């Protein structure tokens, strides 16, 4: 197995590369974190709605601009 080679960047190149690397890492983990927070916030939101209106548990619901719309299940389903 060949020995790994090392390239040491000069100071001006290193500053630019470090800046770009920080941006790349922030974007990667920022997007992953945003997706995780979005999912968790949605879970807490719907849990709070179901706690306020337990009779709607299991119903298909949509929330938009202060209005909660749901479709009741038909008898026998």
Protein backbone atom coordinates (compact mmCIF):
# COMPACT_ATOMS: atom_id res chain seq x y z
CA UNK A 1 0.00 0.00 0.00
CA UNK A 2 1.52 3.35 -0.98
CA UNK A 3 2.40 5.82 1.71
CA UNK A 4 0.03 8.84 1.87
CA UNK A 5 1.54 12.08 0.64
CA UNK A 6 1.11 15.40 2.38
CA UNK A 7 0.77 18.79 0.73
CA UNK A 8 1.21 21.73 3.05
CA UNK A 9 -0.67 24.80 1.81
CA UNK A 10 0.87 28.23 2.09
CA UNK A 11 -0.82 30.72 4.39
CA UNK A 12 -2.86 32.64 1.80
CA UNK A 13 -4.15 29.47 0.14
CA UNK A 14 -4.90 27.91 3.51
CA UNK A 15 -7.02 30.88 4.60
CA UNK A 16 -9.16 30.67 1.46
CA UNK A 17 -9.45 26.87 1.57
CA UNK A 18 -10.38 26.95 5.28
CA UNK A 19 -13.07 29.55 4.57
CA UNK A 20 -14.53 27.44 1.76
CA UNK A 21 -14.37 24.30 3.90
CA UNK A 22 -16.22 26.02 6.76
CA UNK A 23 -18.96 27.10 4.33
CA UNK A 24 -19.22 23.59 2.89
CA UNK A 25 -19.45 21.99 6.35
CA UNK A 26 -21.98 24.56 7.55
CA UNK A 27 -24.15 23.98 4.50
CA UNK A 28 -24.04 20.20 4.80
CA UNK A 29 -24.83 20.06 8.50
CA UNK A 30 -27.10 23.09 8.33
CA UNK A 31 -29.36 21.37 5.81
CA UNK A 32 -29.39 18.14 7.81
CA UNK A 33 -30.16 20.07 11.00
CA UNK A 34 -32.92 22.05 9.27
CA UNK A 35 -34.56 18.84 8.06
CA UNK A 36 -34.36 17.32 11.54
CA UNK A 37 -35.78 20.44 13.21
CA UNK A 38 -38.56 20.69 10.61
CA UNK A 39 -39.59 17.09 11.27
CA UNK A 40 -39.46 17.50 15.06
CA UNK A 41 -41.42 20.76 14.94
CA UNK A 42 -44.07 19.12 12.79
CA UNK A 43 -44.35 16.23 15.21
CA UNK A 44 -44.78 18.61 18.18
CA UNK A 45 -47.30 20.71 16.21
CA UNK A 46 -49.59 17.78 15.36
CA UNK A 47 -49.23 16.35 18.88
CA UNK A 48 -50.40 19.71 20.30
CA UNK A 49 -53.36 19.80 17.87
CA UNK A 50 -54.36 16.27 18.88
CA UNK A 51 -54.08 17.20 22.58
CA UNK A 52 -56.40 20.17 22.02
CA UNK A 53 -58.89 18.16 19.95
CA UNK A 54 -58.65 14.49 21.00
CA UNK A 55 -61.85 13.65 19.11
CA UNK A 56 -59.97 14.27 15.85
CA UNK A 57 -57.34 11.59 16.52
CA UNK A 58 -56.92 9.46 13.43
CA UNK A 59 -58.61 12.00 11.13
CA UNK A 60 -56.85 13.46 8.11
CA UNK A 61 -56.16 17.11 8.98
CA UNK A 62 -54.72 20.17 7.24
CA UNK A 63 -53.79 23.42 8.99
CA UNK A 64 -53.52 26.73 7.11
CA UNK A 65 -53.65 30.33 8.35
CA UNK A 66 -55.48 29.62 11.59
CA UNK A 67 -57.97 27.16 10.10
CA UNK A 68 -57.91 23.45 10.83
CA UNK A 69 -59.69 21.42 8.16
CA UNK A 70 -60.37 17.72 8.61
CA UNK A 71 -62.26 15.02 6.80
CA UNK A 72 -64.36 12.88 9.10
CA UNK A 73 -64.33 9.15 8.53
CA UNK A 74 -67.51 7.66 7.20
CA UNK A 75 -69.51 5.28 9.38
CA UNK A 76 -68.32 1.71 9.06
CA UNK A 77 -64.68 2.45 8.22
